[in-house]
Amino acid sequence: MTLKEKINQSAKLTQFILFKERLFYKCYNEDAMVFVKNVKDY
């Protein structure tokens, strides 16, 4: 999956998606904002 596809998929505001990239998980754009607003402990 390319970065452009990941960014397009993260535009949905009802949930956030974590993408596994090697050892870590990443979230992009709107997903990152949803994560910060709803999971403040991290």
C-alpha atoms as a PDB file:
ATOM      1  CA  MET A   1       0.000   0.000   0.000  1.00  0.00           C
ATOM      2  CA  THR A   2       1.413   3.379  -0.976  1.00  0.00           C
ATOM      3  CA  LEU A   3       1.522   6.457   1.213  1.00  0.00           C
ATOM      4  CA  LYS A   4      -1.089   8.162  -0.971  1.00  0.00           C
ATOM      5  CA  GLU A   5      -3.513   5.250  -0.450  1.00  0.00           C
ATOM      6  CA  LYS A   6      -2.927   5.372   3.321  1.00  0.00           C
ATOM      7  CA  ILE A   7      -3.656   9.099   3.442  1.00  0.00           C
ATOM      8  CA  ASN A   8      -6.842   8.686   1.398  1.00  0.00           C
ATOM      9  CA  GLN A   9      -7.988   5.874   3.666  1.00  0.00           C
ATOM     10  CA  SER A  10      -7.337   7.979   6.773  1.00  0.00           C
ATOM     11  CA  ALA A  11      -9.789  10.676   5.633  1.00  0.00           C
ATOM     12  CA  LYS A  12     -12.676   8.779   7.279  1.00  0.00           C
ATOM     13  CA  LEU A  13     -13.422  10.530  10.566  1.00  0.00           C
ATOM     14  CA  THR A  14     -15.445   7.776  12.244  1.00  0.00           C
ATOM     15  CA  GLN A  15     -12.427   5.668  13.157  1.00  0.00           C
ATOM     16  CA  PHE A  16      -8.672   5.833  13.084  1.00  0.00           C
ATOM     17  CA  ILE A  17      -6.467   3.280  11.371  1.00  0.00           C
ATOM     18  CA  LEU A  18      -3.008   2.266  12.490  1.00  0.00           C
ATOM     19  CA  PHE A  19      -0.687   1.001   9.765  1.00  0.00           C
ATOM     20  CA  LYS A  20       2.097  -1.369  10.763  1.00  0.00           C
ATOM     21  CA  GLU A  21       5.384  -0.265   9.270  1.00  0.00           C
ATOM     22  CA  ARG A  22       8.241  -2.517  10.314  1.00  0.00           C
ATOM     23  CA  LEU A  23       8.313  -2.424  14.135  1.00  0.00           C
ATOM     24  CA  PHE A  24       6.000   0.519  14.699  1.00  0.00           C
ATOM     25  CA  TYR A  25       2.426   1.530  13.970  1.00  0.00           C
ATOM     26  CA  LYS A  26       1.691   4.860  12.291  1.00  0.00           C
ATOM     27  CA  CYS A  27      -1.412   6.898  11.679  1.00  0.00           C
ATOM     28  CA  TYR A  28      -1.683   9.736   9.179  1.00  0.00           C
ATOM     29  CA  ASN A  29      -3.437  13.114   8.877  1.00  0.00           C
ATOM     30  CA  GLU A  30      -7.013  13.021  10.167  1.00  0.00           C
ATOM     31  CA  ASP A  31      -6.412   9.673  11.886  1.00  0.00           C
ATOM     32  CA  ALA A  32      -3.720  11.277  13.996  1.00  0.00           C
ATOM     33  CA  MET A  33      -6.106  14.040  15.075  1.00  0.00           C
ATOM     34  CA  VAL A  34      -8.840  11.535  16.003  1.00  0.00           C
ATOM     35  CA  PHE A  35      -6.284   9.555  17.997  1.00  0.00           C
ATOM     36  CA  VAL A  36      -5.039  12.625  19.900  1.00  0.00           C
ATOM     37  CA  LYS A  37      -8.555  13.825  20.688  1.00  0.00           C
ATOM     38  CA  ASN A  38      -9.874  10.436  21.880  1.00  0.00           C
ATOM     39  CA  VAL A  39      -6.841   8.660  23.364  1.00  0.00           C
ATOM     40  CA  LYS A  40      -5.099  11.371  25.349  1.00  0.00           C
ATOM     41  CA  ASP A  41      -3.098   9.000  27.573  1.00  0.00           C
ATOM     42  CA  TYR A  42      -0.693   8.358  24.726  1.00  0.00           C
END
